[in-house]
Amino acid sequence: MGLREVKRRLTATTDELHRESLRERWQHHDATPIADVVGRERVRIGGEVQGVQVVPRAGAPSLEVSIHDGTGRAIARFTGRRSIRGIDPGRHLVLEGLARHELGHVVLVNPSYTLLRT
């Protein structure tokens, strides 16, 4: 690590360092950066769970999981679910499914998922 890298790390905020570590982690999982996702294509993305909430949609619950990979945020929507064991804030996971853009967010509906050890 050079002097410039040391200086950059010392002056960077903790949020910047966290985003950088997330970007580096997902490069090793053959995942597309969320910022590069194109709608209407099958994608493999990974990220850290930022939030989990149940949202009623058309009378049925939907579990919405917000993830962040250092480049952007995406939402995994699991219809008819109130919870999924193991998906909690701070957990890392890989999602695969058909991406779409909805109100400025990348959304995957009922994607397959893999929980990772942190």
C-alpha atoms as a PDB file:
ATOM      1  CA  MET A   1       0.000   0.000   0.000  1.00  0.00           C
ATOM      2  CA  GLY A   2       1.486   3.300  -1.091  1.00  0.00           C
ATOM      3  CA  LEU A   3       1.561   6.615   0.715  1.00  0.00           C
ATOM      4  CA  ARG A   4      -1.350   7.967  -1.351  1.00  0.00           C
ATOM      5  CA  GLU A   5      -3.492   4.961  -0.439  1.00  0.00           C
ATOM      6  CA  VAL A   6      -2.683   5.382   3.258  1.00  0.00           C
ATOM      7  CA  LYS A   7      -3.559   9.085   3.100  1.00  0.00           C
ATOM      8  CA  ARG A   8      -6.814   8.361   1.251  1.00  0.00           C
ATOM      9  CA  ARG A   9      -7.838   5.753   3.826  1.00  0.00           C
ATOM     10  CA  LEU A  10      -7.021   8.069   6.718  1.00  0.00           C
ATOM     11  CA  THR A  11      -9.092  10.927   5.291  1.00  0.00           C
ATOM     12  CA  ALA A  12     -12.047   8.820   4.040  1.00  0.00           C
ATOM     13  CA  THR A  13     -15.253   8.613   6.050  1.00  0.00           C
ATOM     14  CA  THR A  14     -16.404   5.306   7.489  1.00  0.00           C
ATOM     15  CA  ASP A  15     -19.286   5.256   4.976  1.00  0.00           C
ATOM     16  CA  GLU A  16     -16.851   5.609   2.062  1.00  0.00           C
ATOM     17  CA  LEU A  17     -14.666   2.814   3.426  1.00  0.00           C
ATOM     18  CA  HIS A  18     -17.714   0.576   3.935  1.00  0.00           C
ATOM     19  CA  ARG A  19     -18.955   1.168   0.367  1.00  0.00           C
ATOM     20  CA  GLU A  20     -15.483   0.380  -0.967  1.00  0.00           C
ATOM     21  CA  SER A  21     -15.283  -2.886   0.981  1.00  0.00           C
ATOM     22  CA  LEU A  22     -18.746  -3.897  -0.295  1.00  0.00           C
ATOM     23  CA  ARG A  23     -17.759  -3.185  -3.922  1.00  0.00           C
ATOM     24  CA  GLU A  24     -14.624  -5.305  -3.539  1.00  0.00           C
ATOM     25  CA  ARG A  25     -16.538  -8.176  -1.920  1.00  0.00           C
ATOM     26  CA  TRP A  26     -19.115  -8.505  -4.693  1.00  0.00           C
ATOM     27  CA  GLN A  27     -16.508  -8.508  -7.456  1.00  0.00           C
ATOM     28  CA  HIS A  28     -15.443 -11.931  -6.151  1.00  0.00           C
ATOM     29  CA  HIS A  29     -18.965 -13.383  -6.416  1.00  0.00           C
ATOM     30  CA  ASP A  30     -19.392 -12.804 -10.157  1.00  0.00           C
ATOM     31  CA  ALA A  31     -22.152 -10.307  -9.358  1.00  0.00           C
ATOM     32  CA  THR A  32     -23.212  -7.379 -11.511  1.00  0.00           C
ATOM     33  CA  PRO A  33     -22.868  -4.042  -9.697  1.00  0.00           C
ATOM     34  CA  ILE A  34     -26.345  -2.734  -8.894  1.00  0.00           C
ATOM     35  CA  ALA A  35     -25.506   0.574 -10.591  1.00  0.00           C
ATOM     36  CA  ASP A  36     -24.909  -1.338 -13.864  1.00  0.00           C
ATOM     37  CA  VAL A  37     -28.125  -3.396 -13.848  1.00  0.00           C
ATOM     38  CA  VAL A  38     -30.227  -3.071 -16.995  1.00  0.00           C
ATOM     39  CA  GLY A  39     -33.967  -3.632 -16.714  1.00  0.00           C
ATOM     40  CA  ARG A  40     -35.688  -6.664 -18.202  1.00  0.00           C
ATOM     41  CA  GLU A  41     -32.605  -8.855 -17.965  1.00  0.00           C
ATOM     42  CA  ARG A  42     -31.702 -11.764 -15.706  1.00  0.00           C
ATOM     43  CA  VAL A  43     -29.060 -10.611 -13.259  1.00  0.00           C
ATOM     44  CA  ARG A  44     -26.956 -11.867 -10.389  1.00  0.00           C
ATOM     45  CA  ILE A  45     -26.412  -9.203  -7.747  1.00  0.00           C
ATOM     46  CA  GLY A  46     -25.109  -9.324  -4.228  1.00  0.00           C
ATOM     47  CA  GLY A  47     -25.272  -7.013  -1.293  1.00  0.00           C
ATOM     48  CA  GLU A  48     -25.638  -6.388   2.379  1.00  0.00           C
ATOM     49  CA  VAL A  49     -29.184  -6.336   3.744  1.00  0.00           C
ATOM     50  CA  GLN A  50     -29.986  -2.772   4.793  1.00  0.00           C
ATOM     51  CA  GLY A  51     -33.613  -3.238   5.760  1.00  0.00           C
ATOM     52  CA  VAL A  52     -36.503  -5.699   5.814  1.00  0.00           C
ATOM     53  CA  GLN A  53     -40.178  -4.729   5.864  1.00  0.00           C
ATOM     54  CA  VAL A  54     -43.570  -6.270   5.188  1.00  0.00           C
ATOM     55  CA  VAL A  55     -45.668  -4.278   2.722  1.00  0.00           C
ATOM     56  CA  PRO A  56     -49.316  -5.147   2.001  1.00  0.00           C
ATOM     57  CA  ARG A  57     -49.951  -5.409  -1.728  1.00  0.00           C
ATOM     58  CA  ALA A  58     -53.388  -6.229  -3.149  1.00  0.00           C
ATOM     59  CA  GLY A  59     -54.462  -7.777   0.138  1.00  0.00           C
ATOM     60  CA  ALA A  60     -51.452 -10.094   0.462  1.00  0.00           C
ATOM     61  CA  PRO A  61     -48.195  -9.424   2.296  1.00  0.00           C
ATOM     62  CA  SER A  62     -44.923  -8.895   0.464  1.00  0.00           C
ATOM     63  CA  LEU A  63     -41.549  -9.024   2.150  1.00  0.00           C
ATOM     64  CA  GLU A  64     -39.287  -6.287   0.793  1.00  0.00           C
ATOM     65  CA  VAL A  65     -35.566  -6.685   1.391  1.00  0.00           C
ATOM     66  CA  SER A  66     -33.364  -3.676   0.621  1.00  0.00           C
ATOM     67  CA  ILE A  67     -29.738  -4.495  -0.228  1.00  0.00           C
ATOM     68  CA  HIS A  68     -26.684  -2.325  -0.907  1.00  0.00           C
ATOM     69  CA  ASP A  69     -23.498  -3.350  -2.736  1.00  0.00           C
ATOM     70  CA  GLY A  70     -21.478  -0.140  -2.552  1.00  0.00           C
ATOM     71  CA  THR A  71     -22.622   1.051  -5.992  1.00  0.00           C
ATOM     72  CA  GLY A  72     -26.352   1.288  -5.398  1.00  0.00           C
ATOM     73  CA  ARG A  73     -29.444  -0.144  -3.750  1.00  0.00           C
ATOM     74  CA  ALA A  74     -31.877  -2.807  -4.906  1.00  0.00           C
ATOM     75  CA  ILE A  75     -35.082  -4.295  -3.551  1.00  0.00           C
ATOM     76  CA  ALA A  76     -35.915  -7.988  -3.491  1.00  0.00           C
ATOM     77  CA  ARG A  77     -39.693  -8.432  -3.233  1.00  0.00           C
ATOM     78  CA  PHE A  78     -40.963 -11.809  -2.035  1.00  0.00           C
ATOM     79  CA  THR A  79     -44.726 -11.969  -2.600  1.00  0.00           C
ATOM     80  CA  GLY A  80     -46.904 -13.776  -0.091  1.00  0.00           C
ATOM     81  CA  ARG A  81     -44.151 -13.836   2.556  1.00  0.00           C
ATOM     82  CA  ARG A  82     -43.923 -12.132   5.920  1.00  0.00           C
ATOM     83  CA  SER A  83     -40.418 -13.288   6.712  1.00  0.00           C
ATOM     84  CA  ILE A  84     -37.580 -15.461   5.497  1.00  0.00           C
ATOM     85  CA  ARG A  85     -35.446 -17.069   8.114  1.00  0.00           C
ATOM     86  CA  GLY A  86     -31.862 -15.805   8.008  1.00  0.00           C
ATOM     87  CA  ILE A  87     -32.537 -12.614   6.065  1.00  0.00           C
ATOM     88  CA  ASP A  88     -31.777  -9.908   8.590  1.00  0.00           C
ATOM     89  CA  PRO A  89     -30.088  -6.476   8.423  1.00  0.00           C
ATOM     90  CA  GLY A  90     -26.333  -6.824   8.082  1.00  0.00           C
ATOM     91  CA  ARG A  91     -26.526 -10.257   6.410  1.00  0.00           C
ATOM     92  CA  HIS A  92     -24.902 -10.711   2.984  1.00  0.00           C
ATOM     93  CA  LEU A  93     -26.760 -12.449   0.193  1.00  0.00           C
ATOM     94  CA  VAL A  94     -26.695 -13.088  -3.537  1.00  0.00           C
ATOM     95  CA  LEU A  95     -29.893 -12.637  -5.566  1.00  0.00           C
ATOM     96  CA  GLU A  96     -30.659 -13.964  -9.035  1.00  0.00           C
ATOM     97  CA  GLY A  97     -33.696 -13.045 -11.068  1.00  0.00           C
ATOM     98  CA  LEU A  98     -35.300 -10.772 -13.606  1.00  0.00           C
ATOM     99  CA  ALA A  99     -34.514  -7.123 -12.861  1.00  0.00           C
ATOM    100  CA  ARG A 100     -36.758  -4.176 -13.508  1.00  0.00           C
ATOM    101  CA  HIS A 101     -36.596  -0.504 -12.664  1.00  0.00           C
ATOM    102  CA  GLU A 102     -39.388   0.825 -10.486  1.00  0.00           C
ATOM    103  CA  LEU A 103     -39.464   4.411  -9.220  1.00  0.00           C
ATOM    104  CA  GLY A 104     -35.704   4.739  -9.628  1.00  0.00           C
ATOM    105  CA  HIS A 105     -34.873   1.463  -7.879  1.00  0.00           C
ATOM    106  CA  VAL A 106     -33.763  -1.919  -9.166  1.00  0.00           C
ATOM    107  CA  VAL A 107     -36.408  -4.479  -8.160  1.00  0.00           C
ATOM    108  CA  LEU A 108     -36.301  -8.278  -8.346  1.00  0.00           C
ATOM    109  CA  VAL A 109     -39.595 -10.082  -7.700  1.00  0.00           C
ATOM    110  CA  ASN A 110     -39.334 -13.529  -6.094  1.00  0.00           C
ATOM    111  CA  PRO A 111     -35.632 -13.943  -6.869  1.00  0.00           C
ATOM    112  CA  SER A 112     -33.639 -16.998  -5.926  1.00  0.00           C
ATOM    113  CA  TYR A 113     -31.268 -16.168  -3.100  1.00  0.00           C
ATOM    114  CA  THR A 114     -28.172 -17.511  -1.397  1.00  0.00           C
ATOM    115  CA  LEU A 115     -27.298 -16.504   2.151  1.00  0.00           C
ATOM    116  CA  LEU A 116     -23.602 -15.951   2.715  1.00  0.00           C
ATOM    117  CA  ARG A 117     -21.528 -16.062   5.825  1.00  0.00           C
ATOM    118  CA  THR A 118     -20.343 -12.594   6.767  1.00  0.00           C
END
